Amino acid sequence: MNWKTIYIIGRDGFGDDVLKNLERSGIDFMSGYHMGQSTASHELFWVPETMALRKLKLAIGAKTIFRYRLRFFRSLEDFMHKLDNNELTADEKLRIERMRQSDRAA
């Protein structure tokens, strides 16, 4: 199965609710770097390449999307454009650079 990356930003702490809703939905997904009790304002998930973004949003649920003002991105460039580098830790910047290198290799 081929996977595509979906980047999500929103209000702090949305990761736990999104993860819980995705697990309940039964859709195939992999969490990028969720550490539990996350206070991060960004997450990434891998979903099957053929899955429509709409299906992912339905699995997460409208209440969660609106509560945390979630925004979804399909490319790393769009995701990075929206993030302010000042709010990223050194570890997060390193992870993002690894993602860039991985995307270039693919």
Protein backbone atom coordinates (compact mmCIF):
# COMPACT_ATOMS: atom_id res chain seq x y z
CA MET A 1 0.00 0.00 0.00
CA ASN A 2 1.29 3.47 -0.87
CA TRP A 3 0.86 6.28 1.63
CA LYS A 4 0.51 10.04 1.32
CA THR A 5 1.26 12.55 4.03
CA ILE A 6 -1.37 14.92 5.38
CA TYR A 7 -0.16 17.81 7.51
CA ILE A 8 -2.57 19.38 10.00
CA ILE A 9 -2.32 22.61 11.96
CA GLY A 10 -4.74 23.99 14.51
CA ARG A 11 -5.15 25.22 18.04
CA ASP A 12 -2.82 23.70 20.61
CA GLY A 13 -3.64 20.22 21.86
CA PHE A 14 -5.77 18.93 19.00
CA GLY A 15 -3.64 15.82 18.40
CA ASP A 16 -5.23 13.62 21.06
CA ASP A 17 -8.79 14.24 19.83
CA VAL A 18 -7.84 13.72 16.20
CA LEU A 19 -6.00 10.49 17.00
CA LYS A 20 -8.91 9.19 19.10
CA ASN A 21 -11.42 9.94 16.33
CA LEU A 22 -9.26 8.33 13.64
CA GLU A 23 -8.81 5.18 15.73
CA ARG A 24 -12.58 4.92 16.25
CA SER A 25 -13.29 5.38 12.54
CA GLY A 26 -11.47 2.23 11.48
CA ILE A 27 -9.72 3.87 8.52
CA ASP A 28 -6.11 3.00 7.77
CA PHE A 29 -3.65 5.64 8.95
CA MET A 30 -0.28 6.08 10.63
CA SER A 31 0.54 8.88 13.02
CA GLY A 32 3.64 10.85 12.16
CA TYR A 33 5.03 11.89 15.52
CA HIS A 34 2.23 12.00 18.06
CA MET A 35 3.74 11.73 21.54
CA GLY A 36 0.57 11.48 23.66
CA GLN A 37 -0.91 14.40 25.62
CA SER A 38 0.37 16.58 22.82
CA THR A 39 0.18 20.33 23.13
CA ALA A 40 1.55 20.81 19.64
CA SER A 41 -0.27 22.97 17.14
CA HIS A 42 0.71 20.70 14.25
CA GLU A 43 0.66 16.99 13.43
CA LEU A 44 1.15 14.75 10.45
CA PHE A 45 -0.55 11.56 9.42
CA TRP A 46 -0.03 9.08 6.61
CA VAL A 47 -3.15 7.80 4.91
CA PRO A 48 -3.59 5.49 1.91
CA GLU A 49 -2.70 7.22 -1.32
CA THR A 50 -6.17 6.61 -2.72
CA MET A 51 -8.02 8.11 0.27
CA ALA A 52 -9.78 11.39 -0.39
CA LEU A 53 -9.12 14.23 2.03
CA ARG A 54 -12.88 14.47 2.57
CA LYS A 55 -12.95 10.92 3.97
CA LEU A 56 -10.20 11.81 6.45
CA LYS A 57 -12.08 14.92 7.53
CA LEU A 58 -15.29 12.93 8.01
CA ALA A 59 -13.38 10.43 10.19
CA ILE A 60 -11.97 13.26 12.33
CA GLY A 61 -15.40 14.86 12.66
CA ALA A 62 -16.78 18.34 12.17
CA LYS A 63 -16.87 19.18 15.88
CA THR A 64 -13.15 18.46 16.27
CA ILE A 65 -12.26 20.33 13.08
CA PHE A 66 -14.19 23.42 14.14
CA ARG A 67 -13.21 23.26 17.84
CA TYR A 68 -9.50 23.32 16.99
CA ARG A 69 -9.79 25.30 13.71
CA LEU A 70 -7.95 22.54 11.87
CA ARG A 71 -6.37 23.21 8.50
CA PHE A 72 -5.18 20.40 6.25
CA PHE A 73 -2.26 20.45 3.82
CA ARG A 74 -1.17 17.92 1.22
CA SER A 75 2.32 19.29 0.59
CA LEU A 76 5.16 20.08 2.92
CA GLU A 77 5.72 23.43 1.23
CA ASP A 78 2.16 24.62 1.88
CA PHE A 79 2.38 23.36 5.45
CA MET A 80 5.67 25.15 6.09
CA HIS A 81 4.38 28.35 4.53
CA LYS A 82 1.64 28.48 7.19
CA LEU A 83 3.88 27.67 10.14
CA ASP A 84 5.83 30.40 11.81
CA ASN A 85 9.37 29.07 12.31
CA ASN A 86 9.57 30.90 15.64
CA GLU A 87 7.09 28.50 17.23
CA LEU A 88 9.04 25.36 16.25
CA THR A 89 11.52 23.68 18.57
CA ALA A 90 14.93 22.61 17.31
CA ASP A 91 13.75 18.97 17.33
CA GLU A 92 10.68 19.84 15.25
CA LYS A 93 12.81 21.75 12.74
CA LEU A 94 15.08 18.70 12.44
CA ARG A 95 12.08 16.42 11.84
CA ILE A 96 10.73 18.73 9.16
CA GLU A 97 14.10 18.79 7.42
CA ARG A 98 14.12 14.97 7.47
CA MET A 99 10.63 14.99 5.89
CA ARG A 100 11.88 17.32 3.15
CA GLN A 101 14.80 15.03 2.42
CA SER A 102 12.48 12.01 2.41
CA ASP A 103 10.09 13.72 -0.02
CA ARG A 104 12.98 14.61 -2.34
CA ALA A 105 14.18 10.99 -2.34
CA ALA A 106 10.74 9.63 -3.20
